[in-house]
Amino acid sequence: MAPDGFVGLVLEFARVLFCSGQSTNQVVDAAERMGRSVGLNLQLRPRWGELHLYVAGSDQRSSLNVTAVPAGLDMNRVISATHVAYELGLKRMTPAAAREAIEAISHSVPSPIWLFALAAGAAAVSLSVIYGVQHFLETVMIFASAAMGAVMRRWLARKSTNALVQPFCAALLAGAIGALAVKLDLSASLRLVAISPCMVLVPGPHILNGAFDLIDNRIHLGAARLLFAAMIVLAIAAGLLLGLAIPGVSLPVEARGYEVPLWHDVIAAGVAAAGFSIFFSTPARLLVFPVAAGMIAHALRTFGITALGLDVPTGALVACAFVGLVLTPLTRRQHLPFASVAFASVVSLMPGIYFFRMASGLVQIAHGAPGASLVVPETIGDAVTAFMVMMAMTVGLIVPKAVIDHLLGRDGEV
């Protein structure tokens, strides 16, 4: 294959990784290492929406670019593309065969819709268990709502490329079903029938990858990722509150969860981790790692809060630091997207419920609802808690990874 053709192969390889949830550093390292394997000095410069690949010392075309929006999450594509690059580097695959393989990987289908819906329902129910769901009928409605939302998201993905339509419509459905549960007296004050299916929509990997980019001084890309994630969260909140409001139901700001036994917590955290791993198309042979890490991390967090008196953010910090220490070497060795694996492991710690209650409080305050002044302290408290937990989780995951990457080198070589 001519040099220009090989550069095109490298660019397509980088696009698959970039659009499937791989961290920017790993995308850059993998692409430039592929170029070095055939004696080309390549420099990959990613931006939101495009990738630029520069060929140092080339007398012909000095750069190529391709459209690439890093909005997807598919670990199976990342693993498959990385394997192709490995085989190419060992000369066990020709560049032409590698290009065909990368093209096939880029069009590979995600997990079957029935499995996607089952994972969504199981993850939503497990998160409701952590917050103390009280009745069996609540869990049935939560499972049905999340599963139907998953089917709706897959259908909408074929109809629209707008990344906000899917979470908004799924949250709208969850809010409507949650309101129905309230009208039928099947939902407690926490409104878990409405909230739990929305919590599985939170774009945690995009938040983590955005934070990684900011730390690496990729300011524009990191800010774009975080803004994208924020827009999705706002779409979820808007859909949830609208779905509740149409039948005249609100989301109480002052409601609190119920304590559950530690073993309930741990098992539910493992199920949630498995569900989210399936969302991200994780191969079955690798499910054990995020599930085990998630169960131990949640046990550490719960033990720290109940036995050691830690507050919620500090408990999340301890749990996420453990996950960062354990999963960073694994993801490096397996060439997995750290953000996706780590988020699946700590999804049970996400403060989505605090954010949704904060949004509800802001709406009540803005509309001047009766007693709106009374919810101001609770709204501020939920906002502060949500922010502090997110910061604690981000620091807990990023710091161990940054230290290990610094000691071992970004590309995994000492």
Protein backbone atom coordinates (compact mmCIF):
# COMPACT_ATOMS: atom_id res chain seq x y z
CA MET A 1 0.00 0.00 0.00
CA ALA A 2 1.30 3.47 -0.92
CA PRO A 3 2.18 5.86 1.94
CA ASP A 4 -0.90 7.99 1.29
CA GLY A 5 -3.05 4.87 1.37
CA PHE A 6 -1.50 3.79 4.66
CA VAL A 7 -2.10 7.25 6.14
CA GLY A 8 -5.75 6.87 5.20
CA LEU A 9 -5.82 3.50 7.00
CA VAL A 10 -4.33 5.06 10.13
CA LEU A 11 -6.87 7.86 10.01
CA GLU A 12 -9.79 5.45 9.68
CA PHE A 13 -8.39 3.37 12.55
CA ALA A 14 -8.16 6.48 14.73
CA ARG A 15 -11.71 7.47 13.79
CA VAL A 16 -13.09 4.12 14.96
CA LEU A 17 -11.34 4.48 18.33
CA PHE A 18 -12.25 8.16 18.73
CA CYS A 19 -15.94 7.63 17.93
CA SER A 20 -16.24 4.55 20.15
CA GLY A 21 -15.30 6.06 23.51
CA GLN A 22 -11.54 5.57 23.65
CA SER A 23 -9.68 8.30 25.55
CA THR A 24 -7.93 10.90 23.40
CA ASN A 25 -4.45 10.00 24.63
CA GLN A 26 -4.93 6.36 23.74
CA VAL A 27 -6.29 7.27 20.30
CA VAL A 28 -3.31 9.51 19.57
CA ASP A 29 -0.76 6.99 20.85
CA ALA A 30 -2.30 4.08 18.93
CA ALA A 31 -2.48 6.01 15.65
CA GLU A 32 1.07 7.36 15.84
CA ARG A 33 2.43 3.96 16.89
CA MET A 34 0.75 2.39 13.84
CA GLY A 35 2.52 4.93 11.65
CA ARG A 36 5.90 4.22 13.24
CA SER A 37 5.46 0.51 12.48
CA VAL A 38 6.00 1.31 8.77
CA GLY A 39 8.47 4.15 9.23
CA LEU A 40 6.03 7.07 8.98
CA ASN A 41 6.24 9.99 11.41
CA LEU A 42 2.56 10.83 11.94
CA GLN A 43 0.94 13.37 14.24
CA LEU A 44 -2.74 13.05 15.08
CA ARG A 45 -4.56 16.17 16.25
CA PRO A 46 -8.13 15.50 17.39
CA ARG A 47 -10.84 18.11 17.67
CA TRP A 48 -14.55 17.85 18.33
CA GLY A 49 -16.07 16.72 15.06
CA GLU A 50 -12.86 15.95 13.16
CA LEU A 51 -9.45 14.31 13.19
CA HIS A 52 -6.36 15.79 11.49
CA LEU A 53 -3.42 13.54 10.65
CA TYR A 54 -0.15 15.23 9.70
CA VAL A 55 2.71 13.49 7.92
CA ALA A 56 6.05 14.95 8.99
CA GLY A 57 8.58 15.41 6.20
CA SER A 58 6.18 14.52 3.40
CA ASP A 59 6.80 16.21 0.03
CA GLN A 60 3.32 15.34 -1.14
CA ARG A 61 0.06 15.82 0.70
CA SER A 62 1.05 16.81 4.24
CA SER A 63 -2.21 16.14 6.02
CA LEU A 64 -5.52 14.31 5.89
CA ASN A 65 -8.66 14.88 7.91
CA VAL A 66 -11.90 13.05 8.50
CA THR A 67 -15.19 13.87 10.20
CA ALA A 68 -15.36 12.22 13.62
CA VAL A 69 -17.81 13.03 16.40
CA PRO A 70 -16.83 11.28 19.69
CA ALA A 71 -20.42 10.63 20.76
CA GLY A 72 -20.46 6.82 20.68
CA LEU A 73 -19.52 4.15 23.21
CA ASP A 74 -18.64 0.71 21.87
CA MET A 75 -15.87 -1.23 23.58
CA ASN A 76 -16.14 -4.17 21.22
CA ARG A 77 -15.19 -1.91 18.30
CA VAL A 78 -12.24 -0.54 20.25
CA ILE A 79 -10.97 -4.01 21.11
CA SER A 80 -11.44 -5.32 17.57
CA ALA A 81 -9.73 -2.32 15.94
CA THR A 82 -6.82 -2.52 18.39
CA HIS A 83 -6.38 -6.21 17.58
CA VAL A 84 -6.20 -5.37 13.86
CA ALA A 85 -3.49 -2.78 14.57
CA TYR A 86 -1.59 -5.36 16.64
CA GLU A 87 -1.73 -7.94 13.84
CA LEU A 88 -0.64 -5.32 11.33
CA GLY A 89 2.33 -4.35 13.49
CA LEU A 90 3.45 -8.00 13.62
CA LYS A 91 3.16 -8.26 9.81
CA ARG A 92 0.53 -10.97 10.18
CA MET A 93 -1.97 -8.84 8.26
CA THR A 94 -1.47 -6.81 5.11
CA PRO A 95 -2.48 -3.12 5.03
CA ALA A 96 -5.19 -3.92 2.48
CA ALA A 97 -6.66 -6.63 4.71
CA ALA A 98 -6.40 -4.32 7.71
CA ARG A 99 -8.33 -1.61 5.88
CA GLU A 100 -11.11 -4.05 5.04
CA ALA A 101 -11.22 -5.21 8.67
CA ILE A 102 -11.36 -1.65 10.03
CA GLU A 103 -14.14 -0.79 7.58
CA ALA A 104 -16.14 -3.83 8.75
CA ILE A 105 -15.56 -2.93 12.41
CA SER A 106 -16.78 0.62 11.86
CA HIS A 107 -20.11 -0.76 10.62
CA SER A 108 -20.47 -3.55 13.17
CA VAL A 109 -23.79 -3.68 14.98
CA PRO A 110 -24.04 -3.10 18.75
CA SER A 111 -25.59 -5.56 21.20
CA PRO A 112 -28.99 -7.01 20.17
CA ILE A 113 -31.95 -4.83 21.05
CA TRP A 114 -33.44 -7.45 23.40
CA LEU A 115 -30.18 -7.59 25.35
CA PHE A 116 -29.91 -3.79 25.36
CA ALA A 117 -33.46 -3.50 26.75
CA LEU A 118 -32.85 -6.22 29.34
CA ALA A 119 -29.66 -4.50 30.51
CA ALA A 120 -31.44 -1.15 30.77
CA GLY A 121 -34.24 -2.62 32.85
CA ALA A 122 -31.89 -4.53 35.13
CA ALA A 123 -29.62 -1.52 35.65
CA ALA A 124 -32.56 0.77 36.47
CA VAL A 125 -33.99 -1.71 38.97
CA SER A 126 -30.60 -2.21 40.63
CA LEU A 127 -30.17 1.56 41.07
CA SER A 128 -33.64 1.75 42.62
CA VAL A 129 -32.65 -1.00 45.07
CA ILE A 130 -29.67 1.06 46.18
CA TYR A 131 -31.97 3.99 46.95
CA GLY A 132 -34.42 1.75 48.80
CA VAL A 133 -37.28 0.85 46.47
CA GLN A 134 -40.17 -0.28 48.65
CA HIS A 135 -42.61 -2.33 46.60
CA PHE A 136 -42.42 -5.10 44.02
CA LEU A 137 -44.82 -3.32 41.67
CA GLU A 138 -42.47 -0.33 41.67
CA THR A 139 -39.62 -2.52 40.45
CA VAL A 140 -41.83 -4.00 37.73
CA MET A 141 -42.75 -0.52 36.47
CA ILE A 142 -39.13 0.64 36.66
CA PHE A 143 -37.96 -2.35 34.63
CA ALA A 144 -40.70 -1.89 32.03
CA SER A 145 -40.08 1.85 31.75
CA ALA A 146 -36.31 1.49 31.29
CA ALA A 147 -36.67 -1.38 28.83
CA MET A 148 -39.23 0.50 26.72
CA GLY A 149 -37.00 3.56 26.84
CA ALA A 150 -34.09 1.47 25.54
CA VAL A 151 -36.17 0.17 22.63
CA MET A 152 -37.29 3.73 21.89
CA ARG A 153 -33.69 4.96 21.88
CA ARG A 154 -32.62 2.31 19.37
CA TRP A 155 -35.58 3.17 17.14
CA LEU A 156 -34.90 6.89 17.33
CA ALA A 157 -31.22 6.29 16.53
CA ARG A 158 -32.31 5.02 13.12
CA LYS A 159 -34.56 8.02 12.56
CA SER A 160 -32.47 10.94 13.80
CA THR A 161 -28.78 11.75 14.29
CA ASN A 162 -29.58 14.36 16.96
CA ALA A 163 -27.88 13.11 20.13
CA LEU A 164 -30.40 14.87 22.40
CA VAL A 165 -33.58 13.33 20.98
CA GLN A 166 -32.97 9.86 22.39
CA PRO A 167 -32.37 10.78 26.06
CA PHE A 168 -35.14 13.41 26.02
CA CYS A 169 -37.77 11.02 24.69
CA ALA A 170 -36.68 8.17 26.98
CA ALA A 171 -36.82 10.50 29.99
CA LEU A 172 -40.21 11.84 28.87
CA LEU A 173 -41.52 8.28 28.78
CA ALA A 174 -40.03 7.56 32.22
CA GLY A 175 -41.63 10.70 33.65
CA ALA A 176 -45.04 9.80 32.21
CA ILE A 177 -44.87 6.25 33.60
CA GLY A 178 -43.66 7.63 36.93
CA ALA A 179 -46.61 10.04 37.02
CA LEU A 180 -48.97 7.15 36.30
CA ALA A 181 -47.45 5.23 39.21
CA VAL A 182 -48.10 8.22 41.49
CA LYS A 183 -51.69 8.50 40.32
CA LEU A 184 -52.21 4.79 41.01
CA ASP A 185 -50.56 5.11 44.43
CA LEU A 186 -47.75 2.77 43.40
CA SER A 187 -44.81 5.12 43.92
CA ALA A 188 -43.22 6.39 47.12
CA SER A 189 -42.26 10.02 47.64
CA LEU A 190 -38.82 9.49 46.13
CA ARG A 191 -40.44 8.88 42.71
CA LEU A 192 -38.03 6.08 41.86
CA VAL A 193 -40.35 4.82 39.13
CA ALA A 194 -39.62 8.04 37.27
CA ILE A 195 -36.04 8.69 38.34
CA SER A 196 -34.38 5.26 38.06
CA PRO A 197 -34.90 4.82 34.28
CA CYS A 198 -33.46 8.32 33.79
CA MET A 199 -30.33 7.54 35.77
CA VAL A 200 -29.29 4.93 33.19
CA LEU A 201 -29.21 7.72 30.58
CA VAL A 202 -26.50 9.81 32.28
CA PRO A 203 -23.45 10.15 29.94
CA GLY A 204 -20.72 9.44 32.49
CA PRO A 205 -17.97 8.34 30.04
CA HIS A 206 -18.24 11.63 28.15
CA ILE A 207 -17.80 13.52 31.42
CA LEU A 208 -14.70 11.51 32.31
CA ASN A 209 -13.16 11.77 28.84
CA GLY A 210 -13.80 15.52 28.90
CA ALA A 211 -12.03 15.80 32.24
CA PHE A 212 -9.07 13.79 30.88
CA ASP A 213 -8.81 16.16 27.91
CA LEU A 214 -8.85 19.24 30.13
CA ILE A 215 -6.07 17.81 32.28
CA ASP A 216 -4.03 17.11 29.13
CA ASN A 217 -4.50 20.75 28.02
CA ARG A 218 -6.83 19.83 25.16
CA ILE A 219 -9.06 22.64 26.31
CA HIS A 220 -11.32 22.95 23.29
CA LEU A 221 -11.95 19.21 23.00
CA GLY A 222 -12.44 18.77 26.76
CA ALA A 223 -14.84 21.70 26.96
CA ALA A 224 -16.78 20.38 23.96
CA ARG A 225 -17.10 16.93 25.54
CA LEU A 226 -18.31 18.39 28.84
CA LEU A 227 -20.76 20.70 27.09
CA PHE A 228 -22.08 17.75 25.09
CA ALA A 229 -22.55 15.76 28.31
CA ALA A 230 -24.21 18.72 30.02
CA MET A 231 -26.68 19.11 27.16
CA ILE A 232 -27.62 15.44 27.43
CA VAL A 233 -28.16 15.75 31.19
CA LEU A 234 -30.32 18.84 30.63
CA ALA A 235 -32.33 16.96 27.99
CA ILE A 236 -32.88 14.11 30.47
CA ALA A 237 -34.01 16.50 33.21
CA ALA A 238 -36.33 18.36 30.84
CA GLY A 239 -37.92 15.15 29.59
CA LEU A 240 -38.35 13.78 33.12
CA LEU A 241 -39.93 16.93 34.56
CA LEU A 242 -42.18 17.41 31.52
CA GLY A 243 -43.36 13.81 31.67
CA LEU A 244 -44.24 14.25 35.34
CA ALA A 245 -45.81 17.68 34.88
CA ILE A 246 -48.28 16.80 32.11
CA PRO A 247 -50.50 14.77 34.49
CA GLY A 248 -49.83 17.31 37.26
CA VAL A 249 -47.19 15.42 39.27
CA SER A 250 -44.02 16.98 40.68
CA LEU A 251 -40.72 15.63 41.92
CA PRO A 252 -40.38 16.31 45.67
CA VAL A 253 -37.13 18.06 46.54
CA GLU A 254 -37.03 17.06 50.17
CA ALA A 255 -37.59 13.30 49.74
CA ARG A 256 -34.83 11.00 50.96
CA GLY A 257 -33.96 7.39 50.23
CA TYR A 258 -34.21 4.42 52.54
CA GLU A 259 -31.36 2.48 54.10
CA VAL A 260 -30.85 -1.00 52.70
CA PRO A 261 -28.67 -3.89 53.90
CA LEU A 262 -25.05 -3.83 52.70
CA TRP A 263 -25.40 -7.06 50.75
CA HIS A 264 -28.37 -5.59 48.85
CA ASP A 265 -26.20 -2.58 48.02
CA VAL A 266 -23.28 -4.68 46.81
CA ILE A 267 -25.32 -7.04 44.62
CA ALA A 268 -27.29 -4.15 43.12
CA ALA A 269 -24.05 -2.31 42.32
CA GLY A 270 -22.75 -5.39 40.50
CA VAL A 271 -25.94 -5.71 38.44
CA ALA A 272 -25.78 -2.01 37.55
CA ALA A 273 -22.15 -2.39 36.44
CA ALA A 274 -23.07 -5.38 34.27
CA GLY A 275 -25.99 -3.51 32.72
CA PHE A 276 -23.90 -0.49 31.80
CA SER A 277 -21.11 -2.69 30.47
CA ILE A 278 -23.64 -4.27 28.12
CA PHE A 279 -24.72 -0.76 27.05
CA PHE A 280 -21.13 -0.14 26.00
CA SER A 281 -20.93 -3.46 24.08
CA THR A 282 -18.37 -4.99 26.42
CA PRO A 283 -17.38 -8.55 25.43
CA ALA A 284 -18.84 -11.10 27.83
CA ARG A 285 -15.39 -12.39 28.83
CA LEU A 286 -14.52 -8.96 30.26
CA LEU A 287 -17.73 -8.31 32.23
CA VAL A 288 -16.25 -9.73 35.42
CA PHE A 289 -13.80 -6.84 35.81
CA PRO A 290 -16.21 -3.87 36.01
CA VAL A 291 -18.72 -5.96 37.97
CA ALA A 292 -16.20 -7.04 40.61
CA ALA A 293 -14.66 -3.57 40.84
CA GLY A 294 -18.11 -1.99 41.12
CA MET A 295 -19.24 -4.32 43.91
CA ILE A 296 -16.09 -3.79 45.98
CA ALA A 297 -16.14 -0.03 45.37
CA HIS A 298 -19.74 0.29 46.49
CA ALA A 299 -19.03 -1.81 49.57
CA LEU A 300 -16.13 0.53 50.43
CA ARG A 301 -18.33 3.58 49.95
CA THR A 302 -21.21 2.20 52.05
CA PHE A 303 -18.88 0.99 54.80
CA GLY A 304 -17.10 4.33 54.89
CA ILE A 305 -20.36 6.25 55.26
CA THR A 306 -22.08 3.97 57.77
CA ALA A 307 -19.13 2.75 59.85
CA LEU A 308 -16.55 5.53 59.53
CA GLY A 309 -18.88 8.49 59.34
CA LEU A 310 -17.68 9.74 55.94
CA ASP A 311 -19.92 12.10 54.04
CA VAL A 312 -21.32 11.14 50.63
CA PRO A 313 -18.66 12.92 48.49
CA THR A 314 -15.76 11.51 50.53
CA GLY A 315 -17.23 8.02 50.33
CA ALA A 316 -17.45 8.40 46.54
CA LEU A 317 -13.85 9.63 46.43
CA VAL A 318 -12.56 6.55 48.28
CA ALA A 319 -14.57 4.16 46.11
CA CYS A 320 -13.50 5.78 42.84
CA ALA A 321 -9.84 5.92 43.89
CA PHE A 322 -9.99 2.16 44.38
CA VAL A 323 -11.54 1.69 40.93
CA GLY A 324 -8.93 3.93 39.34
CA LEU A 325 -6.08 1.99 40.93
CA VAL A 326 -7.47 -1.40 39.97
CA LEU A 327 -8.81 -0.75 36.49
CA THR A 328 -6.06 1.47 35.04
CA PRO A 329 -3.55 -1.40 34.63
CA LEU A 330 -6.30 -3.66 33.27
CA THR A 331 -7.55 -1.19 30.67
CA ARG A 332 -3.98 -0.45 29.59
CA ARG A 333 -3.22 -4.14 29.13
CA GLN A 334 -6.47 -4.88 27.28
CA HIS A 335 -6.50 -1.53 25.40
CA LEU A 336 -9.99 -0.79 26.73
CA PRO A 337 -11.58 2.66 27.01
CA PHE A 338 -10.90 3.53 30.64
CA ALA A 339 -13.80 5.99 30.88
CA SER A 340 -16.39 3.40 29.82
CA VAL A 341 -15.08 0.61 32.05
CA ALA A 342 -14.61 2.90 35.04
CA PHE A 343 -18.00 4.55 34.68
CA ALA A 344 -19.74 1.18 34.48
CA SER A 345 -18.01 0.25 37.74
CA VAL A 346 -19.03 3.40 39.63
CA VAL A 347 -22.40 4.13 38.03
CA SER A 348 -24.12 3.27 41.32
CA LEU A 349 -22.39 6.28 42.87
CA MET A 350 -23.61 8.82 40.31
CA PRO A 351 -25.56 11.71 41.92
CA GLY A 352 -28.26 11.76 39.25
CA ILE A 353 -31.04 11.75 41.81
CA TYR A 354 -29.65 14.91 43.42
CA PHE A 355 -29.43 16.67 40.06
CA PHE A 356 -33.01 15.79 39.10
CA ARG A 357 -34.31 16.98 42.47
CA MET A 358 -32.32 20.19 42.07
CA ALA A 359 -33.89 20.75 38.63
CA SER A 360 -37.34 20.18 40.09
CA GLY A 361 -36.64 22.66 42.89
CA LEU A 362 -35.48 25.30 40.43
CA VAL A 363 -38.67 24.87 38.40
CA GLN A 364 -40.82 25.23 41.53
CA ILE A 365 -38.92 28.36 42.56
CA ALA A 366 -39.15 29.88 39.08
CA HIS A 367 -42.91 29.28 38.89
CA GLY A 368 -43.52 30.68 42.35
CA ALA A 369 -45.35 27.55 43.46
CA PRO A 370 -46.95 27.57 46.93
CA GLY A 371 -44.22 27.00 49.51
CA ALA A 372 -41.52 27.52 46.90
CA SER A 373 -39.38 29.45 49.37
CA LEU A 374 -39.27 26.38 51.59
CA VAL A 375 -37.52 24.29 48.94
CA VAL A 376 -34.69 26.77 48.41
CA PRO A 377 -32.39 25.25 51.08
CA GLU A 378 -33.10 21.72 49.82
CA THR A 379 -32.47 22.76 46.22
CA ILE A 380 -29.15 24.37 47.12
CA GLY A 381 -28.20 21.32 49.18
CA ASP A 382 -28.96 18.95 46.29
CA ALA A 383 -26.96 21.13 43.89
CA VAL A 384 -23.94 21.25 46.20
CA THR A 385 -24.11 17.51 46.87
CA ALA A 386 -24.37 16.68 43.15
CA PHE A 387 -21.42 18.93 42.33
CA MET A 388 -19.25 17.65 45.18
CA VAL A 389 -19.95 13.99 44.37
CA MET A 390 -19.16 14.52 40.69
CA MET A 391 -15.92 16.30 41.58
CA ALA A 392 -14.98 13.57 44.06
CA MET A 393 -15.69 10.82 41.52
CA THR A 394 -13.74 12.59 38.79
CA VAL A 395 -10.71 13.20 41.02
CA GLY A 396 -10.86 9.68 42.44
CA LEU A 397 -10.80 8.12 38.98
CA ILE A 398 -8.44 10.51 37.22
CA VAL A 399 -5.63 10.92 39.76
CA PRO A 400 -4.70 7.20 40.03
CA LYS A 401 -4.88 6.83 36.26
CA ALA A 402 -2.72 9.92 35.69
CA VAL A 403 -0.09 8.69 38.14
CA ILE A 404 0.04 5.19 36.67
CA ASP A 405 0.14 6.53 33.11
CA HIS A 406 2.99 8.85 34.08
CA LEU A 407 4.99 6.03 35.64
CA LEU A 408 4.45 3.51 32.85
CA GLY A 409 4.22 5.84 29.85
CA ARG A 410 1.08 6.75 27.94
CA ASP A 411 1.35 3.93 25.45
CA GLY A 412 1.74 1.26 28.08
CA GLU A 413 5.45 0.74 27.66
CA VAL A 414 7.90 1.30 30.50
